[in-house]
PDB file of N, CA and C in Angstrom:
ATOM      1  N   MET A   1     189.717 167.157 189.173  1.00  0.00           N
ATOM      2  CA  MET A   1     190.539 167.845 188.193  1.00  0.00           C
ATOM      3  C   MET A   1     189.823 167.825 186.850  1.00  0.00           C
ATOM      4  N   THR A   2     189.808 168.943 186.162  1.00  0.00           N
ATOM      5  CA  THR A   2     189.139 169.030 184.866  1.00  0.00           C
ATOM      6  C   THR A   2     190.136 168.897 183.738  1.00  0.00           C
ATOM      7  N   ASP A   3     189.629 168.497 182.596  1.00  0.00           N
ATOM      8  CA  ASP A   3     190.461 168.355 181.411  1.00  0.00           C
ATOM      9  C   ASP A   3     190.585 169.709 180.738  1.00  0.00           C
ATOM     10  N   SER A   4     191.748 170.320 180.808  1.00  0.00           N
ATOM     11  CA  SER A   4     191.940 171.660 180.267  1.00  0.00           C
ATOM     12  C   SER A   4     191.980 171.686 178.742  1.00  0.00           C
ATOM     13  N   THR A   5     192.035 170.536 178.096  1.00  0.00           N
ATOM     14  CA  THR A   5     192.067 170.507 176.631  1.00  0.00           C
ATOM     15  C   THR A   5     190.667 170.571 176.028  1.00  0.00           C
ATOM     16  N   THR A   6     189.626 170.445 176.840  1.00  0.00           N
ATOM     17  CA  THR A   6     188.254 170.505 176.351  1.00  0.00           C
ATOM     18  C   THR A   6     187.812 171.951 176.285  1.00  0.00           C
ATOM     19  N   ASP A   7     187.371 172.395 175.117  1.00  0.00           N
ATOM     20  CA  ASP A   7     186.880 173.745 174.923  1.00  0.00           C
ATOM     21  C   ASP A   7     185.366 173.728 175.041  1.00  0.00           C
ATOM     22  N   SER A   8     184.825 174.423 176.036  1.00  0.00           N
ATOM     23  CA  SER A   8     183.374 174.392 176.275  1.00  0.00           C
ATOM     24  C   SER A   8     182.582 174.970 175.111  1.00  0.00           C
ATOM     25  N   THR A   9     183.197 175.800 174.270  1.00  0.00           N
ATOM     26  CA  THR A   9     182.456 176.390 173.153  1.00  0.00           C
ATOM     27  C   THR A   9     182.198 175.382 172.048  1.00  0.00           C
ATOM     28  N   THR A  10     182.873 174.235 172.050  1.00  0.00           N
ATOM     29  CA  THR A  10     182.645 173.225 171.021  1.00  0.00           C
ATOM     30  C   THR A  10     181.709 172.123 171.505  1.00  0.00           C
ATOM     31  N   ASP A  11     181.268 172.190 172.740  1.00  0.00           N
ATOM     32  CA  ASP A  11     180.307 171.227 173.259  1.00  0.00           C
ATOM     33  C   ASP A  11     178.986 171.453 172.548  1.00  0.00           C
ATOM     34  N   VAL A  12     178.505 170.434 171.856  1.00  0.00           N
ATOM     35  CA  VAL A  12     177.276 170.572 171.080  1.00  0.00           C
ATOM     36  C   VAL A  12     176.096 170.938 171.969  1.00  0.00           C
ATOM     37  N   ARG A  13     176.193 170.644 173.246  1.00  0.00           N
ATOM     38  CA  ARG A  13     175.102 170.943 174.174  1.00  0.00           C
ATOM     39  C   ARG A  13     175.188 172.353 174.749  1.00  0.00           C
ATOM     40  N   ARG A  14     176.136 173.133 174.253  1.00  0.00           N
ATOM     41  CA  ARG A  14     176.274 174.536 174.669  1.00  0.00           C
ATOM     42  C   ARG A  14     175.660 175.416 173.581  1.00  0.00           C
ATOM     43  N   VAL A  15     174.765 176.291 173.983  1.00  0.00           N
ATOM     44  CA  VAL A  15     174.134 177.220 173.053  1.00  0.00           C
ATOM     45  C   VAL A  15     174.559 178.635 173.422  1.00  0.00           C
ATOM     46  N   GLU A  16     174.816 179.420 172.396  1.00  0.00           N
ATOM     47  CA  GLU A  16     175.210 180.810 172.592  1.00  0.00           C
ATOM     48  C   GLU A  16     174.302 181.695 171.746  1.00  0.00           C
ATOM     49  N   ILE A  17     173.801 182.752 172.345  1.00  0.00           N
ATOM     50  CA  ILE A  17     173.016 183.742 171.619  1.00  0.00           C
ATOM     51  C   ILE A  17     173.798 185.047 171.673  1.00  0.00           C
ATOM     52  N   GLU A  18     174.295 185.467 170.522  1.00  0.00           N
ATOM     53  CA  GLU A  18     175.017 186.736 170.425  1.00  0.00           C
ATOM     54  C   GLU A  18     174.035 187.786 169.930  1.00  0.00           C
ATOM     55  N   TYR A  19     173.941 188.879 170.656  1.00  0.00           N
ATOM     56  CA  TYR A  19     172.953 189.908 170.359  1.00  0.00           C
ATOM     57  C   TYR A  19     173.606 191.293 170.337  1.00  0.00           C
ATOM     58  N   CYS A  20     172.981 192.221 169.645  1.00  0.00           N
ATOM     59  CA  CYS A  20     173.504 193.575 169.512  1.00  0.00           C
ATOM     60  C   CYS A  20     173.082 194.432 170.705  1.00  0.00           C
ATOM     61  N   THR A  21     174.076 194.961 171.418  1.00  0.00           N
ATOM     62  CA  THR A  21     173.779 195.839 172.550  1.00  0.00           C
ATOM     63  C   THR A  21     173.343 197.221 172.066  1.00  0.00           C
ATOM     64  N   GLN A  22     173.875 197.660 170.932  1.00  0.00           N
ATOM     65  CA  GLN A  22     173.507 198.970 170.390  1.00  0.00           C
ATOM     66  C   GLN A  22     172.028 198.998 169.989  1.00  0.00           C
ATOM     67  N   CYS A  23     171.520 197.852 169.558  1.00  0.00           N
ATOM     68  CA  CYS A  23     170.126 197.728 169.115  1.00  0.00           C
ATOM     69  C   CYS A  23     169.183 197.444 170.275  1.00  0.00           C
ATOM     70  N   ARG A  24     169.748 197.210 171.465  1.00  0.00           N
ATOM     71  CA  ARG A  24     168.960 196.898 172.654  1.00  0.00           C
ATOM     72  C   ARG A  24     168.194 195.579 172.505  1.00  0.00           C
ATOM     73  N   TRP A  25     168.881 194.558 171.993  1.00  0.00           N
ATOM     74  CA  TRP A  25     168.240 193.272 171.752  1.00  0.00           C
ATOM     75  C   TRP A  25     168.428 192.278 172.888  1.00  0.00           C
ATOM     76  N   LEU A  26     168.917 192.741 174.037  1.00  0.00           N
ATOM     77  CA  LEU A  26     169.048 191.849 175.193  1.00  0.00           C
ATOM     78  C   LEU A  26     167.708 191.223 175.591  1.00  0.00           C
ATOM     79  N   PRO A  27     166.608 191.975 175.678  1.00  0.00           N
ATOM     80  CA  PRO A  27     165.344 191.326 176.057  1.00  0.00           C
ATOM     81  C   PRO A  27     164.930 190.215 175.095  1.00  0.00           C
ATOM     82  N   ARG A  28     165.137 190.416 173.816  1.00  0.00           N
ATOM     83  CA  ARG A  28     164.803 189.392 172.813  1.00  0.00           C
ATOM     84  C   ARG A  28     165.692 188.164 173.005  1.00  0.00           C
ATOM     85  N   ALA A  29     166.984 188.387 173.234  1.00  0.00           N
ATOM     86  CA  ALA A  29     167.924 187.277 173.441  1.00  0.00           C
ATOM     87  C   ALA A  29     167.594 186.519 174.722  1.00  0.00           C
ATOM     88  N   ALA A  30     167.259 187.254 175.784  1.00  0.00           N
ATOM     89  CA  ALA A  30     166.931 186.622 177.060  1.00  0.00           C
ATOM     90  C   ALA A  30     165.649 185.801 176.948  1.00  0.00           C
ATOM     91  N   TRP A  31     164.676 186.316 176.229  1.00  0.00           N
ATOM     92  CA  TRP A  31     163.420 185.591 176.037  1.00  0.00           C
ATOM     93  C   TRP A  31     163.662 184.291 175.266  1.00  0.00           C
ATOM     94  N   LEU A  32     164.473 184.376 174.199  1.00  0.00           N
ATOM     95  CA  LEU A  32     164.785 183.178 173.426  1.00  0.00           C
ATOM     96  C   LEU A  32     165.575 182.182 174.280  1.00  0.00           C
ATOM     97  N   ALA A  33     166.486 182.695 175.093  1.00  0.00           N
ATOM     98  CA  ALA A  33     167.252 181.826 175.999  1.00  0.00           C
ATOM     99  C   ALA A  33     166.315 181.089 176.949  1.00  0.00           C
ATOM    100  N   GLN A  34     165.336 181.793 177.480  1.00  0.00           N
ATOM    101  CA  GLN A  34     164.362 181.161 178.372  1.00  0.00           C
ATOM    102  C   GLN A  34     163.588 180.065 177.656  1.00  0.00           C
ATOM    103  N   GLU A  35     163.174 180.326 176.431  1.00  0.00           N
ATOM    104  CA  GLU A  35     162.455 179.326 175.640  1.00  0.00           C
ATOM    105  C   GLU A  35     163.311 178.075 175.434  1.00  0.00           C
ATOM    106  N   LEU A  36     164.582 178.265 175.091  1.00  0.00           N
ATOM    107  CA  LEU A  36     165.472 177.124 174.848  1.00  0.00           C
ATOM    108  C   LEU A  36     165.768 176.359 176.139  1.00  0.00           C
ATOM    109  N   LEU A  37     165.994 177.075 177.223  1.00  0.00           N
ATOM    110  CA  LEU A  37     166.276 176.408 178.498  1.00  0.00           C
ATOM    111  C   LEU A  37     165.071 175.627 178.998  1.00  0.00           C
ATOM    112  N   THR A  38     163.892 176.138 178.749  1.00  0.00           N
ATOM    113  CA  THR A  38     162.679 175.430 179.151  1.00  0.00           C
ATOM    114  C   THR A  38     162.483 174.169 178.319  1.00  0.00           C
ATOM    115  N   THR A  39     162.712 174.284 177.026  1.00  0.00           N
ATOM    116  CA  THR A  39     162.509 173.153 176.118  1.00  0.00           C
ATOM    117  C   THR A  39     163.582 172.081 176.287  1.00  0.00           C
ATOM    118  N   PHE A  40     164.822 172.492 176.496  1.00  0.00           N
ATOM    119  CA  PHE A  40     165.951 171.557 176.548  1.00  0.00           C
ATOM    120  C   PHE A  40     166.605 171.538 177.932  1.00  0.00           C
ATOM    121  N   GLU A  41     165.790 171.555 178.983  1.00  0.00           N
ATOM    122  CA  GLU A  41     166.335 171.647 180.331  1.00  0.00           C
ATOM    123  C   GLU A  41     167.254 170.479 180.693  1.00  0.00           C
ATOM    124  N   ALA A  42     167.022 169.302 180.137  1.00  0.00           N
ATOM    125  CA  ALA A  42     167.869 168.145 180.451  1.00  0.00           C
ATOM    126  C   ALA A  42     168.991 167.952 179.437  1.00  0.00           C
ATOM    127  N   GLU A  43     168.883 168.589 178.281  1.00  0.00           N
ATOM    128  CA  GLU A  43     169.848 168.347 177.203  1.00  0.00           C
ATOM    129  C   GLU A  43     170.981 169.376 177.143  1.00  0.00           C
ATOM    130  N   LEU A  44     170.710 170.621 177.523  1.00  0.00           N
ATOM    131  CA  LEU A  44     171.743 171.653 177.427  1.00  0.00           C
ATOM    132  C   LEU A  44     172.638 171.658 178.654  1.00  0.00           C
ATOM    133  N   THR A  45     173.922 171.866 178.426  1.00  0.00           N
ATOM    134  CA  THR A  45     174.862 171.991 179.537  1.00  0.00           C
ATOM    135  C   THR A  45     175.119 173.453 179.867  1.00  0.00           C
ATOM    136  N   GLU A  46     174.888 174.317 178.888  1.00  0.00           N
ATOM    137  CA  GLU A  46     175.151 175.734 179.098  1.00  0.00           C
ATOM    138  C   GLU A  46     174.413 176.544 178.039  1.00  0.00           C
ATOM    139  N   LEU A  47     173.941 177.723 178.432  1.00  0.00           N
ATOM    140  CA  LEU A  47     173.397 178.684 177.486  1.00  0.00           C
ATOM    141  C   LEU A  47     173.992 180.031 177.839  1.00  0.00           C
ATOM    142  N   ALA A  48     174.674 180.637 176.872  1.00  0.00           N
ATOM    143  CA  ALA A  48     175.361 181.900 177.113  1.00  0.00           C
ATOM    144  C   ALA A  48     174.747 183.020 176.287  1.00  0.00           C
ATOM    145  N   LEU A  49     174.660 184.191 176.901  1.00  0.00           N
ATOM    146  CA  LEU A  49     174.281 185.406 176.188  1.00  0.00           C
ATOM    147  C   LEU A  49     175.564 186.195 175.968  1.00  0.00           C
ATOM    148  N   LYS A  50     175.843 186.502 174.693  1.00  0.00           N
ATOM    149  CA  LYS A  50     177.095 187.167 174.344  1.00  0.00           C
ATOM    150  C   LYS A  50     176.805 188.530 173.725  1.00  0.00           C
ATOM    151  N   PRO A  51     177.167 189.606 174.412  1.00  0.00           N
ATOM    152  CA  PRO A  51     176.944 190.930 173.855  1.00  0.00           C
ATOM    153  C   PRO A  51     177.783 191.152 172.599  1.00  0.00           C
ATOM    154  N   GLY A  52     177.182 191.800 171.614  1.00  0.00           N
ATOM    155  CA  GLY A  52     177.879 192.132 170.385  1.00  0.00           C
ATOM    156  C   GLY A  52     177.417 193.499 169.903  1.00  0.00           C
ATOM    157  N   THR A  53     177.852 193.866 168.708  1.00  0.00           N
ATOM    158  CA  THR A  53     177.470 195.147 168.116  1.00  0.00           C
ATOM    159  C   THR A  53     177.193 194.958 166.630  1.00  0.00           C
ATOM    160  N   GLY A  54     176.762 196.034 165.995  1.00  0.00           N
ATOM    161  CA  GLY A  54     176.603 196.012 164.544  1.00  0.00           C
ATOM    162  C   GLY A  54     175.381 195.247 164.051  1.00  0.00           C
ATOM    163  N   GLY A  55     174.351 195.138 164.868  1.00  0.00           N
ATOM    164  CA  GLY A  55     173.128 194.477 164.426  1.00  0.00           C
ATOM    165  C   GLY A  55     173.161 192.962 164.469  1.00  0.00           C
ATOM    166  N   VAL A  56     174.103 192.401 165.214  1.00  0.00           N
ATOM    167  CA  VAL A  56     174.238 190.941 165.275  1.00  0.00           C
ATOM    168  C   VAL A  56     173.124 190.320 166.113  1.00  0.00           C
ATOM    169  N   PHE A  57     172.599 189.211 165.633  1.00  0.00           N
ATOM    170  CA  PHE A  57     171.712 188.335 166.409  1.00  0.00           C
ATOM    171  C   PHE A  57     171.914 186.937 165.833  1.00  0.00           C
ATOM    172  N   VAL A  58     172.809 186.185 166.478  1.00  0.00           N
ATOM    173  CA  VAL A  58     173.219 184.874 165.988  1.00  0.00           C
ATOM    174  C   VAL A  58     173.060 183.846 167.096  1.00  0.00           C
ATOM    175  N   VAL A  59     172.509 182.692 166.734  1.00  0.00           N
ATOM    176  CA  VAL A  59     172.369 181.584 167.678  1.00  0.00           C
ATOM    177  C   VAL A  59     173.321 180.483 167.219  1.00  0.00           C
ATOM    178  N   ARG A  60     174.126 179.986 168.160  1.00  0.00           N
ATOM    179  CA  ARG A  60     175.075 178.920 167.860  1.00  0.00           C
ATOM    180  C   ARG A  60     174.834 177.741 168.797  1.00  0.00           C
ATOM    181  N   ALA A  61     175.024 176.548 168.262  1.00  0.00           N
ATOM    182  CA  ALA A  61     175.001 175.328 169.080  1.00  0.00           C
ATOM    183  C   ALA A  61     176.326 174.624 168.836  1.00  0.00           C
ATOM    184  N   GLY A  62     177.097 174.444 169.890  1.00  0.00           N
ATOM    185  CA  GLY A  62     178.402 173.814 169.750  1.00  0.00           C
ATOM    186  C   GLY A  62     179.332 174.581 168.837  1.00  0.00           C
ATOM    187  N   GLY A  63     179.183 175.897 168.792  1.00  0.00           N
ATOM    188  CA  GLY A  63     180.027 176.735 167.952  1.00  0.00           C
ATOM    189  C   GLY A  63     179.547 176.874 166.522  1.00  0.00           C
ATOM    190  N   GLU A  64     178.551 176.101 166.138  1.00  0.00           N
ATOM    191  CA  GLU A  64     178.021 176.133 164.772  1.00  0.00           C
ATOM    192  C   GLU A  64     176.807 177.064 164.707  1.00  0.00           C
ATOM    193  N   VAL A  65     176.799 177.958 163.731  1.00  0.00           N
ATOM    194  CA  VAL A  65     175.671 178.877 163.578  1.00  0.00           C
ATOM    195  C   VAL A  65     174.434 178.096 163.160  1.00  0.00           C
ATOM    196  N   VAL A  66     173.365 178.247 163.943  1.00  0.00           N
ATOM    197  CA  VAL A  66     172.089 177.606 163.598  1.00  0.00           C
ATOM    198  C   VAL A  66     171.055 178.643 163.175  1.00  0.00           C
ATOM    199  N   TRP A  67     171.311 179.917 163.517  1.00  0.00           N
ATOM    200  CA  TRP A  67     170.414 180.985 163.077  1.00  0.00           C
ATOM    201  C   TRP A  67     171.184 182.298 163.031  1.00  0.00           C
ATOM    202  N   ASP A  68     171.065 183.020 161.919  1.00  0.00           N
ATOM    203  CA  ASP A  68     171.713 184.316 161.763  1.00  0.00           C
ATOM    204  C   ASP A  68     170.670 185.304 161.248  1.00  0.00           C
ATOM    205  N   ARG A  69     170.397 186.322 162.024  1.00  0.00           N
ATOM    206  CA  ARG A  69     169.384 187.310 161.659  1.00  0.00           C
ATOM    207  C   ARG A  69     169.666 187.956 160.303  1.00  0.00           C
ATOM    208  N   ARG A  70     170.923 188.157 159.990  1.00  0.00           N
ATOM    209  CA  ARG A  70     171.268 188.828 158.724  1.00  0.00           C
ATOM    210  C   ARG A  70     170.878 187.988 157.513  1.00  0.00           C
ATOM    211  N   GLU A  71     170.881 186.692 157.671  1.00  0.00           N
ATOM    212  CA  GLU A  71     170.535 185.804 156.555  1.00  0.00           C
ATOM    213  C   GLU A  71     169.086 185.332 156.602  1.00  0.00           C
ATOM    214  N   GLN A  72     168.541 185.178 157.805  1.00  0.00           N
ATOM    215  CA  GLN A  72     167.236 184.544 157.964  1.00  0.00           C
ATOM    216  C   GLN A  72     166.181 185.418 158.633  1.00  0.00           C
ATOM    217  N   GLY A  73     166.543 186.637 159.028  1.00  0.00           N
ATOM    218  CA  GLY A  73     165.606 187.490 159.745  1.00  0.00           C
ATOM    219  C   GLY A  73     165.511 187.064 161.202  1.00  0.00           C
ATOM    220  N   PHE A  74     164.674 187.777 161.948  1.00  0.00           N
ATOM    221  CA  PHE A  74     164.503 187.389 163.346  1.00  0.00           C
ATOM    222  C   PHE A  74     163.765 186.070 163.412  1.00  0.00           C
ATOM    223  N   PRO A  75     164.233 185.183 164.275  1.00  0.00           N
ATOM    224  CA  PRO A  75     163.653 183.844 164.325  1.00  0.00           C
ATOM    225  C   PRO A  75     162.365 183.757 165.125  1.00  0.00           C
ATOM    226  N   GLU A  76     161.507 182.879 164.676  1.00  0.00           N
ATOM    227  CA  GLU A  76     160.405 182.429 165.521  1.00  0.00           C
ATOM    228  C   GLU A  76     161.030 181.405 166.471  1.00  0.00           C
ATOM    229  N   PRO A  77     160.600 181.357 167.705  1.00  0.00           N
ATOM    230  CA  PRO A  77     161.218 180.412 168.645  1.00  0.00           C
ATOM    231  C   PRO A  77     161.144 178.966 168.170  1.00  0.00           C
ATOM    232  N   THR A  78     160.054 178.607 167.502  1.00  0.00           N
ATOM    233  CA  THR A  78     159.899 177.229 167.025  1.00  0.00           C
ATOM    234  C   THR A  78     161.004 176.860 166.040  1.00  0.00           C
ATOM    235  N   ALA A  79     161.355 177.786 165.155  1.00  0.00           N
ATOM    236  CA  ALA A  79     162.403 177.520 164.164  1.00  0.00           C
ATOM    237  C   ALA A  79     163.757 177.309 164.838  1.00  0.00           C
ATOM    238  N   VAL A  80     164.060 178.120 165.835  1.00  0.00           N
ATOM    239  CA  VAL A  80     165.333 177.969 166.555  1.00  0.00           C
ATOM    240  C   VAL A  80     165.326 176.679 167.360  1.00  0.00           C
ATOM    241  N   LYS A  81     164.199 176.362 167.985  1.00  0.00           N
ATOM    242  CA  LYS A  81     164.108 175.113 168.747  1.00  0.00           C
ATOM    243  C   LYS A  81     164.370 173.915 167.851  1.00  0.00           C
ATOM    244  N   ARG A  82     163.823 173.925 166.653  1.00  0.00           N
ATOM    245  CA  ARG A  82     164.072 172.813 165.723  1.00  0.00           C
ATOM    246  C   ARG A  82     165.546 172.723 165.353  1.00  0.00           C
ATOM    247  N   ALA A  83     166.155 173.866 165.056  1.00  0.00           N
ATOM    248  CA  ALA A  83     167.570 173.884 164.663  1.00  0.00           C
ATOM    249  C   ALA A  83     168.459 173.400 165.807  1.00  0.00           C
ATOM    250  N   VAL A  84     168.174 173.850 167.026  1.00  0.00           N
ATOM    251  CA  VAL A  84     168.954 173.415 168.187  1.00  0.00           C
ATOM    252  C   VAL A  84     168.696 171.936 168.457  1.00  0.00           C
ATOM    253  N   ARG A  85     167.431 171.522 168.415  1.00  0.00           N
ATOM    254  CA  ARG A  85     167.077 170.123 168.653  1.00  0.00           C
ATOM    255  C   ARG A  85     167.820 169.195 167.694  1.00  0.00           C
ATOM    256  N   ASP A  86     167.917 169.582 166.422  1.00  0.00           N
ATOM    257  CA  ASP A  86     168.577 168.748 165.428  1.00  0.00           C
ATOM    258  C   ASP A  86     170.042 168.502 165.761  1.00  0.00           C
ATOM    259  N   ARG A  87     170.659 169.388 166.529  1.00  0.00           N
ATOM    260  CA  ARG A  87     172.062 169.225 166.903  1.00  0.00           C
ATOM    261  C   ARG A  87     172.238 168.663 168.312  1.00  0.00           C
ATOM    262  N   VAL A  88     171.338 169.028 169.210  1.00  0.00           N
ATOM    263  CA  VAL A  88     171.487 168.677 170.621  1.00  0.00           C
ATOM    264  C   VAL A  88     170.787 167.372 170.981  1.00  0.00           C
ATOM    265  N   ALA A  89     169.566 167.209 170.476  1.00  0.00           N
ATOM    266  CA  ALA A  89     168.746 166.047 170.856  1.00  0.00           C
ATOM    267  C   ALA A  89     167.872 165.622 169.678  1.00  0.00           C
ATOM    268  N   PRO A  90     168.485 165.033 168.635  1.00  0.00           N
ATOM    269  CA  PRO A  90     167.755 164.720 167.399  1.00  0.00           C
ATOM    270  C   PRO A  90     166.496 163.875 167.583  1.00  0.00           C
ATOM    271  N   GLY A  91     166.421 163.062 168.599  1.00  0.00           N
ATOM    272  CA  GLY A  91     165.252 162.211 168.780  1.00  0.00           C
ATOM    273  C   GLY A  91     164.133 162.861 169.582  1.00  0.00           C
ATOM    274  N   LYS A  92     164.386 164.060 170.106  1.00  0.00           N
ATOM    275  CA  LYS A  92     163.411 164.718 170.980  1.00  0.00           C
ATOM    276  C   LYS A  92     162.255 165.298 170.164  1.00  0.00           C
ATOM    277  N   THR A  93     161.049 165.080 170.645  1.00  0.00           N
ATOM    278  CA  THR A  93     159.882 165.693 170.026  1.00  0.00           C
ATOM    279  C   THR A  93     159.657 167.066 170.648  1.00  0.00           C
ATOM    280  N   LEU A  94     159.175 167.991 169.860  1.00  0.00           N
ATOM    281  CA  LEU A  94     158.895 169.327 170.354  1.00  0.00           C
ATOM    282  C   LEU A  94     157.410 169.532 170.616  1.00  0.00           C
ATOM    283  N   GLY A  95     156.667 168.449 170.617  1.00  0.00           N
ATOM    284  CA  GLY A  95     155.242 168.512 170.943  1.00  0.00           C
ATOM    285  C   GLY A  95     154.450 169.357 169.970  1.00  0.00           C
ATOM    286  N   HIS A  96     153.644 170.263 170.490  1.00  0.00           N
ATOM    287  CA  HIS A  96     152.768 171.058 169.639  1.00  0.00           C
ATOM    288  C   HIS A  96     153.532 171.937 168.666  1.00  0.00           C
ATOM    289  N   SER A  97     154.797 172.233 168.928  1.00  0.00           N
ATOM    290  CA  SER A  97     155.610 173.060 168.035  1.00  0.00           C
ATOM    291  C   SER A  97     155.879 172.389 166.690  1.00  0.00           C
ATOM    292  N   GLU A  98     155.722 171.062 166.646  1.00  0.00           N
ATOM    293  CA  GLU A  98     156.028 170.338 165.415  1.00  0.00           C
ATOM    294  C   GLU A  98     154.810 170.069 164.556  1.00  0.00           C
ATOM    295  N   ARG A  99     153.651 170.440 165.013  1.00  0.00           N
ATOM    296  CA  ARG A  99     152.454 170.222 164.225  1.00  0.00           C
ATOM    297  C   ARG A  99     152.490 171.067 162.971  1.00  0.00           C
ATOM    298  N   SER A 100     152.006 170.496 161.883  1.00  0.00           N
ATOM    299  CA  SER A 100     151.940 171.231 160.629  1.00  0.00           C
ATOM    300  C   SER A 100     150.873 172.304 160.724  1.00  0.00           C
ATOM    301  N   ARG A 101     151.125 173.380 160.038  1.00  0.00           N
ATOM    302  CA  ARG A 101     150.150 174.478 160.039  1.00  0.00           C
ATOM    303  C   ARG A 101     149.170 174.328 158.927  1.00  0.00           C
TER     304      ARG A 101
END
């Protein structure tokens, strides 16, 4: 039996990528989802792709916005990985992605 009072959208280990269908950004969202699932394969419980409209491209972890295209532009995967890591697995190293340029 599951606990019906638990909302899966507030689980910090759940990531959601909302993308604009009108802009045809599904491939970009799917690619970013693959990057996150590969990096956090043991830490994430769920990764959802959420269709939207109006130029939206937002990444959320546990319901909290970690990246918004309207404010920050399109993300480099490394930047999103850091933002997600800081909420999902703060002690995890991202390997070569964390090297200074």
